[in-house]
Amino acid sequence: MGERRHIFAVTMVVLSMLVVSTEMVYGKLFYVGKKDGTCLQDVCWANGISDWPKNKTIKAGDILVFNYDLFTRDVTLVDEEGYRTCNPGKNPIVYRTGHDYIQVPEGPSYYICSINRLCQKGTKVAIIPA
């Protein structure tokens, strides 16, 4: 009987370590633009979300999930000036799948939608890791 309890305790410790280490390796998922657990048909990358990161503790290594209509939007990685001016600049990194998973880097990162002047309407987000 005592051996079973020992095996159970060891198993629980190992499982707990796996759960913790998985989050440490892969980071936490953040659905960009998602507020109160809802988005319009899971399309969260939308106008007016530039304040979305406020009150969120996003760390380097976490994963940003961008869900959007791939026919009307994109996710473009820009520098701080590109974010401020909504100008993607030369040779930007552009994501166009409609469901992009992007790992948060160590320093600040800036994302805009470069289609149809949607950045000017607030489809942009600046991530400053904690």
N, C-alpha and C. Protein backbone atom coordinates (compact mmCIF):
# COMPACT_ATOMS: atom_id res chain seq x y z
N MET A 1 0.82 -1.19 0.00
CA MET A 1 0.00 0.00 0.00
C MET A 1 0.86 1.26 0.00
N GLY A 2 1.90 1.27 0.83
CA GLY A 2 2.79 2.41 0.90
C GLY A 2 3.54 2.63 -0.40
N GLU A 3 3.86 1.54 -1.10
CA GLU A 3 4.57 1.64 -2.38
C GLU A 3 3.69 2.30 -3.44
N ARG A 4 2.40 2.00 -3.44
CA ARG A 4 1.48 2.62 -4.40
C ARG A 4 1.38 4.13 -4.18
N ARG A 5 1.33 4.54 -2.92
CA ARG A 5 1.27 5.96 -2.61
C ARG A 5 2.54 6.66 -3.08
N HIS A 6 3.68 5.98 -2.89
CA HIS A 6 4.96 6.55 -3.32
C HIS A 6 4.98 6.71 -4.84
N ILE A 7 4.53 5.69 -5.56
CA ILE A 7 4.50 5.75 -7.02
C ILE A 7 3.55 6.86 -7.47
N PHE A 8 2.39 6.96 -6.82
CA PHE A 8 1.43 8.01 -7.16
C PHE A 8 2.05 9.39 -6.93
N ALA A 9 2.71 9.58 -5.80
CA ALA A 9 3.32 10.87 -5.48
C ALA A 9 4.40 11.22 -6.49
N VAL A 10 5.23 10.27 -6.85
CA VAL A 10 6.29 10.51 -7.83
C VAL A 10 5.68 10.85 -9.18
N THR A 11 4.64 10.13 -9.57
CA THR A 11 3.96 10.40 -10.84
C THR A 11 3.39 11.81 -10.87
N MET A 12 2.78 12.24 -9.79
CA MET A 12 2.20 13.59 -9.73
C MET A 12 3.30 14.66 -9.82
N VAL A 13 4.42 14.42 -9.17
CA VAL A 13 5.53 15.38 -9.23
C VAL A 13 6.05 15.49 -10.66
N VAL A 14 6.22 14.35 -11.32
CA VAL A 14 6.72 14.34 -12.71
C VAL A 14 5.74 15.06 -13.63
N LEU A 15 4.45 14.78 -13.49
CA LEU A 15 3.45 15.45 -14.33
C LEU A 15 3.44 16.95 -14.09
N SER A 16 3.55 17.37 -12.85
CA SER A 16 3.60 18.80 -12.53
C SER A 16 4.81 19.46 -13.18
N MET A 17 5.94 18.78 -13.15
CA MET A 17 7.15 19.32 -13.76
C MET A 17 6.99 19.45 -15.27
N LEU A 18 6.32 18.48 -15.89
CA LEU A 18 6.09 18.55 -17.34
C LEU A 18 5.22 19.74 -17.70
N VAL A 19 4.17 19.98 -16.93
CA VAL A 19 3.29 21.11 -17.20
C VAL A 19 4.06 22.42 -17.08
N VAL A 20 4.83 22.57 -16.02
CA VAL A 20 5.60 23.80 -15.81
C VAL A 20 6.66 23.96 -16.89
N SER A 21 7.37 22.88 -17.22
CA SER A 21 8.44 23.00 -18.22
C SER A 21 7.89 23.26 -19.61
N THR A 22 6.71 22.77 -19.93
CA THR A 22 6.11 23.04 -21.23
C THR A 22 5.87 24.53 -21.40
N GLU A 23 5.33 25.19 -20.36
CA GLU A 23 5.11 26.64 -20.46
C GLU A 23 6.43 27.39 -20.52
N MET A 24 7.44 26.89 -19.83
CA MET A 24 8.74 27.56 -19.85
C MET A 24 9.38 27.46 -21.23
N VAL A 25 9.22 26.31 -21.90
CA VAL A 25 9.83 26.11 -23.21
C VAL A 25 9.05 26.84 -24.30
N TYR A 26 7.74 26.72 -24.29
CA TYR A 26 6.93 27.26 -25.37
C TYR A 26 6.29 28.61 -25.06
N GLY A 27 6.25 29.00 -23.82
CA GLY A 27 5.63 30.26 -23.47
C GLY A 27 4.11 30.16 -23.45
N LYS A 28 3.52 31.26 -23.09
CA LYS A 28 2.07 31.35 -22.99
C LYS A 28 1.50 31.87 -24.31
N LEU A 29 0.31 31.39 -24.67
CA LEU A 29 -0.35 31.87 -25.89
C LEU A 29 -1.17 33.12 -25.59
N PHE A 30 -1.02 34.12 -26.44
CA PHE A 30 -1.82 35.34 -26.35
C PHE A 30 -2.51 35.54 -27.70
N TYR A 31 -3.85 35.56 -27.69
CA TYR A 31 -4.62 35.78 -28.91
C TYR A 31 -4.76 37.29 -29.10
N VAL A 32 -4.03 37.83 -30.04
CA VAL A 32 -3.94 39.28 -30.22
C VAL A 32 -5.31 39.87 -30.54
N GLY A 33 -5.72 40.83 -29.73
CA GLY A 33 -7.00 41.50 -29.92
C GLY A 33 -8.15 40.89 -29.16
N LYS A 34 -7.95 39.71 -28.62
CA LYS A 34 -9.05 39.03 -27.93
C LYS A 34 -9.34 39.73 -26.61
N LYS A 35 -10.58 40.11 -26.43
CA LYS A 35 -11.01 40.78 -25.20
C LYS A 35 -12.17 40.00 -24.59
N ASP A 36 -12.12 39.80 -23.31
CA ASP A 36 -13.19 39.11 -22.59
C ASP A 36 -13.51 37.75 -23.20
N GLY A 37 -12.52 37.10 -23.80
CA GLY A 37 -12.71 35.76 -24.34
C GLY A 37 -13.49 35.69 -25.63
N THR A 38 -13.78 36.82 -26.27
CA THR A 38 -14.57 36.77 -27.50
C THR A 38 -13.94 37.59 -28.61
N CYS A 39 -14.18 37.16 -29.81
CA CYS A 39 -13.82 37.90 -31.02
C CYS A 39 -14.93 37.63 -32.03
N LEU A 40 -15.08 38.51 -32.97
CA LEU A 40 -16.06 38.29 -34.02
C LEU A 40 -15.58 37.12 -34.88
N GLN A 41 -16.21 35.98 -34.75
CA GLN A 41 -15.85 34.77 -35.50
C GLN A 41 -14.36 34.47 -35.40
N ASP A 42 -13.79 34.66 -34.22
CA ASP A 42 -12.37 34.44 -33.96
C ASP A 42 -11.46 35.32 -34.80
N VAL A 43 -11.99 36.38 -35.38
CA VAL A 43 -11.16 37.35 -36.10
C VAL A 43 -10.84 38.46 -35.11
N CYS A 44 -9.67 38.37 -34.51
CA CYS A 44 -9.30 39.31 -33.45
C CYS A 44 -8.39 40.42 -33.94
N TRP A 45 -7.66 40.18 -35.00
CA TRP A 45 -6.72 41.17 -35.57
C TRP A 45 -7.57 42.14 -36.35
N ALA A 46 -8.02 43.22 -35.67
CA ALA A 46 -9.02 44.11 -36.25
C ALA A 46 -8.71 45.56 -35.89
N ASN A 47 -9.53 46.47 -36.38
CA ASN A 47 -9.34 47.89 -36.13
C ASN A 47 -9.48 48.21 -34.64
N GLY A 48 -8.69 49.18 -34.19
CA GLY A 48 -8.82 49.68 -32.84
C GLY A 48 -8.28 48.79 -31.74
N ILE A 49 -7.28 47.98 -32.02
CA ILE A 49 -6.75 47.09 -30.98
C ILE A 49 -5.37 47.50 -30.47
N SER A 50 -4.91 48.67 -30.83
CA SER A 50 -3.54 49.06 -30.46
C SER A 50 -3.32 49.09 -28.95
N ASP A 51 -4.38 49.23 -28.17
CA ASP A 51 -4.23 49.23 -26.72
C ASP A 51 -4.38 47.84 -26.10
N TRP A 52 -4.55 46.82 -26.93
CA TRP A 52 -4.76 45.46 -26.45
C TRP A 52 -3.69 44.97 -25.47
N PRO A 53 -2.40 45.24 -25.66
CA PRO A 53 -1.39 44.70 -24.73
C PRO A 53 -1.44 45.28 -23.31
N LYS A 54 -2.13 46.39 -23.11
CA LYS A 54 -2.18 47.01 -21.78
C LYS A 54 -2.72 46.01 -20.76
N ASN A 55 -2.11 46.03 -19.59
CA ASN A 55 -2.50 45.16 -18.47
C ASN A 55 -2.28 43.68 -18.75
N LYS A 56 -1.41 43.37 -19.71
CA LYS A 56 -1.03 41.98 -19.97
C LYS A 56 0.46 41.84 -19.70
N THR A 57 0.83 40.75 -19.08
CA THR A 57 2.25 40.48 -18.83
C THR A 57 2.73 39.53 -19.91
N ILE A 58 3.26 40.09 -20.97
CA ILE A 58 3.75 39.30 -22.10
C ILE A 58 5.27 39.26 -21.99
N LYS A 59 5.81 38.05 -22.07
CA LYS A 59 7.25 37.87 -21.89
C LYS A 59 7.89 37.34 -23.16
N ALA A 60 9.19 37.56 -23.27
CA ALA A 60 9.95 36.98 -24.38
C ALA A 60 9.74 35.46 -24.33
N GLY A 61 9.49 34.87 -25.49
CA GLY A 61 9.24 33.43 -25.56
C GLY A 61 7.76 33.09 -25.61
N ASP A 62 6.90 34.01 -25.19
CA ASP A 62 5.46 33.78 -25.32
C ASP A 62 5.09 33.79 -26.80
N ILE A 63 3.90 33.30 -27.10
CA ILE A 63 3.45 33.18 -28.49
C ILE A 63 2.27 34.11 -28.73
N LEU A 64 2.40 34.96 -29.75
CA LEU A 64 1.29 35.80 -30.18
C LEU A 64 0.54 35.05 -31.27
N VAL A 65 -0.77 34.95 -31.13
CA VAL A 65 -1.61 34.29 -32.13
C VAL A 65 -2.44 35.37 -32.81
N PHE A 66 -2.24 35.50 -34.11
CA PHE A 66 -2.99 36.48 -34.90
C PHE A 66 -4.01 35.72 -35.74
N ASN A 67 -5.30 35.94 -35.48
CA ASN A 67 -6.37 35.34 -36.27
C ASN A 67 -7.06 36.44 -37.06
N TYR A 68 -7.18 36.23 -38.38
CA TYR A 68 -7.75 37.28 -39.23
C TYR A 68 -8.17 36.68 -40.57
N ASP A 69 -8.92 37.44 -41.32
CA ASP A 69 -9.32 37.06 -42.67
C ASP A 69 -8.14 37.29 -43.60
N LEU A 70 -7.57 36.23 -44.12
CA LEU A 70 -6.35 36.35 -44.94
C LEU A 70 -6.58 37.07 -46.26
N PHE A 71 -7.82 37.28 -46.65
CA PHE A 71 -8.09 38.00 -47.89
C PHE A 71 -8.17 39.52 -47.69
N THR A 72 -8.31 39.96 -46.44
CA THR A 72 -8.46 41.39 -46.20
C THR A 72 -7.41 41.97 -45.24
N ARG A 73 -6.58 41.10 -44.67
CA ARG A 73 -5.58 41.57 -43.70
C ARG A 73 -4.28 40.78 -43.84
N ASP A 74 -3.24 41.32 -43.21
CA ASP A 74 -1.98 40.60 -43.05
C ASP A 74 -1.39 41.03 -41.71
N VAL A 75 -0.28 40.44 -41.35
CA VAL A 75 0.48 40.86 -40.17
C VAL A 75 1.87 41.16 -40.66
N THR A 76 2.30 42.41 -40.50
CA THR A 76 3.60 42.84 -40.99
C THR A 76 4.46 43.29 -39.81
N LEU A 77 5.63 42.67 -39.70
CA LEU A 77 6.59 43.03 -38.66
C LEU A 77 7.35 44.27 -39.11
N VAL A 78 7.32 45.32 -38.29
CA VAL A 78 7.97 46.59 -38.64
C VAL A 78 8.83 47.06 -37.47
N ASP A 79 9.59 48.12 -37.72
CA ASP A 79 10.33 48.75 -36.62
C ASP A 79 9.44 49.81 -35.96
N GLU A 80 9.99 50.49 -34.96
CA GLU A 80 9.18 51.46 -34.22
C GLU A 80 8.67 52.59 -35.12
N GLU A 81 9.50 53.06 -36.04
CA GLU A 81 9.06 54.11 -36.96
C GLU A 81 7.96 53.61 -37.88
N GLY A 82 8.11 52.39 -38.38
CA GLY A 82 7.07 51.79 -39.21
C GLY A 82 5.75 51.66 -38.48
N TYR A 83 5.83 51.37 -37.18
CA TYR A 83 4.63 51.29 -36.35
C TYR A 83 3.99 52.67 -36.21
N ARG A 84 4.81 53.65 -35.91
CA ARG A 84 4.31 55.01 -35.68
C ARG A 84 3.70 55.60 -36.95
N THR A 85 4.34 55.35 -38.12
CA THR A 85 3.91 55.96 -39.38
C THR A 85 3.02 55.05 -40.23
N CYS A 86 2.85 53.80 -39.78
CA CYS A 86 2.09 52.80 -40.56
C CYS A 86 2.72 52.57 -41.93
N ASN A 87 4.03 52.61 -41.98
CA ASN A 87 4.77 52.38 -43.22
C ASN A 87 5.64 51.13 -43.04
N PRO A 88 5.36 50.06 -43.81
CA PRO A 88 6.12 48.82 -43.63
C PRO A 88 7.58 48.90 -44.05
N GLY A 89 7.96 49.93 -44.80
CA GLY A 89 9.35 50.06 -45.21
C GLY A 89 9.72 49.05 -46.29
N LYS A 90 11.03 48.86 -46.46
CA LYS A 90 11.53 47.96 -47.51
C LYS A 90 11.70 46.55 -46.95
N ASN A 91 11.29 45.57 -47.73
CA ASN A 91 11.46 44.14 -47.42
C ASN A 91 10.99 43.75 -46.02
N PRO A 92 9.77 44.09 -45.65
CA PRO A 92 9.29 43.70 -44.32
C PRO A 92 8.98 42.20 -44.27
N ILE A 93 8.91 41.66 -43.08
CA ILE A 93 8.45 40.29 -42.89
C ILE A 93 6.93 40.36 -42.82
N VAL A 94 6.27 39.64 -43.73
CA VAL A 94 4.80 39.69 -43.81
C VAL A 94 4.24 38.28 -43.63
N TYR A 95 3.26 38.17 -42.75
CA TYR A 95 2.56 36.90 -42.51
C TYR A 95 1.19 37.02 -43.16
N ARG A 96 0.77 35.93 -43.83
CA ARG A 96 -0.50 35.99 -44.58
C ARG A 96 -1.33 34.72 -44.46
N THR A 97 -1.17 33.96 -43.40
CA THR A 97 -1.89 32.68 -43.32
C THR A 97 -3.30 32.81 -42.77
N GLY A 98 -3.58 33.89 -42.02
CA GLY A 98 -4.86 34.02 -41.35
C GLY A 98 -4.83 33.48 -39.93
N HIS A 99 -3.82 32.67 -39.63
CA HIS A 99 -3.63 32.09 -38.29
C HIS A 99 -2.14 32.00 -38.03
N ASP A 100 -1.54 33.12 -37.64
CA ASP A 100 -0.09 33.17 -37.47
C ASP A 100 0.29 33.06 -36.00
N TYR A 101 1.32 32.26 -35.75
CA TYR A 101 1.87 32.09 -34.41
C TYR A 101 3.27 32.68 -34.43
N ILE A 102 3.49 33.73 -33.65
CA ILE A 102 4.77 34.44 -33.67
C ILE A 102 5.32 34.50 -32.25
N GLN A 103 6.56 34.02 -32.09
CA GLN A 103 7.18 34.03 -30.77
C GLN A 103 7.69 35.43 -30.44
N VAL A 104 7.41 35.89 -29.23
CA VAL A 104 7.82 37.22 -28.78
C VAL A 104 9.33 37.23 -28.58
N PRO A 105 10.03 38.18 -29.23
CA PRO A 105 11.48 38.27 -29.05
C PRO A 105 11.84 38.96 -27.73
N GLU A 106 13.13 39.04 -27.45
CA GLU A 106 13.62 39.67 -26.21
C GLU A 106 13.25 41.15 -26.12
N GLY A 107 13.38 41.88 -27.20
CA GLY A 107 13.11 43.32 -27.16
C GLY A 107 11.74 43.66 -27.72
N PRO A 108 11.47 44.94 -27.88
CA PRO A 108 10.18 45.37 -28.43
C PRO A 108 9.95 44.84 -29.84
N SER A 109 8.70 44.56 -30.16
CA SER A 109 8.34 44.17 -31.53
C SER A 109 7.05 44.89 -31.90
N TYR A 110 6.94 45.19 -33.18
CA TYR A 110 5.84 46.03 -33.67
C TYR A 110 5.19 45.34 -34.87
N TYR A 111 3.86 45.28 -34.85
CA TYR A 111 3.11 44.60 -35.91
C TYR A 111 2.02 45.53 -36.41
N ILE A 112 1.88 45.57 -37.73
CA ILE A 112 0.82 46.38 -38.34
C ILE A 112 0.14 45.54 -39.42
N CYS A 113 -1.05 45.98 -39.82
CA CYS A 113 -1.66 45.46 -41.03
C CYS A 113 -1.31 46.44 -42.14
N SER A 114 -0.70 45.92 -43.20
CA SER A 114 -0.24 46.82 -44.28
C SER A 114 -1.23 46.90 -45.44
N ILE A 115 -2.43 46.39 -45.25
CA ILE A 115 -3.44 46.37 -46.33
C ILE A 115 -4.50 47.45 -46.09
N ASN A 116 -4.88 48.14 -47.16
CA ASN A 116 -6.01 49.08 -47.17
C ASN A 116 -6.01 50.10 -46.03
N ARG A 117 -4.87 50.57 -45.66
CA ARG A 117 -4.76 51.61 -44.63
C ARG A 117 -5.40 51.20 -43.30
N LEU A 118 -5.44 49.89 -43.03
CA LEU A 118 -6.03 49.42 -41.78
C LEU A 118 -5.17 49.77 -40.58
N CYS A 119 -3.87 49.90 -40.78
CA CYS A 119 -2.99 50.33 -39.69
C CYS A 119 -3.44 51.69 -39.16
N GLN A 120 -3.76 52.60 -40.06
CA GLN A 120 -4.21 53.94 -39.65
C GLN A 120 -5.51 53.88 -38.85
N LYS A 121 -6.27 52.79 -39.03
CA LYS A 121 -7.52 52.61 -38.29
C LYS A 121 -7.30 51.84 -36.99
N GLY A 122 -6.04 51.58 -36.67
CA GLY A 122 -5.72 50.94 -35.40
C GLY A 122 -5.43 49.46 -35.44
N THR A 123 -5.28 48.89 -36.63
CA THR A 123 -4.90 47.48 -36.70
C THR A 123 -3.39 47.41 -36.62
N LYS A 124 -2.91 47.60 -35.39
CA LYS A 124 -1.49 47.56 -35.11
C LYS A 124 -1.31 47.32 -33.62
N VAL A 125 -0.17 46.74 -33.28
CA VAL A 125 0.10 46.45 -31.88
C VAL A 125 1.60 46.49 -31.62
N ALA A 126 1.98 47.10 -30.50
CA ALA A 126 3.37 47.14 -30.05
C ALA A 126 3.50 46.23 -28.84
N ILE A 127 4.47 45.34 -28.88
CA ILE A 127 4.68 44.41 -27.78
C ILE A 127 6.02 44.74 -27.11
N ILE A 128 5.96 45.09 -25.85
CA ILE A 128 7.16 45.37 -25.06
C ILE A 128 7.20 44.30 -23.97
N PRO A 129 8.07 43.28 -24.13
CA PRO A 129 8.08 42.18 -23.16
C PRO A 129 8.40 42.65 -21.73
N ALA A 130 7.78 41.98 -20.79
CA ALA A 130 8.00 42.30 -19.36
C ALA A 130 9.38 41.85 -18.93
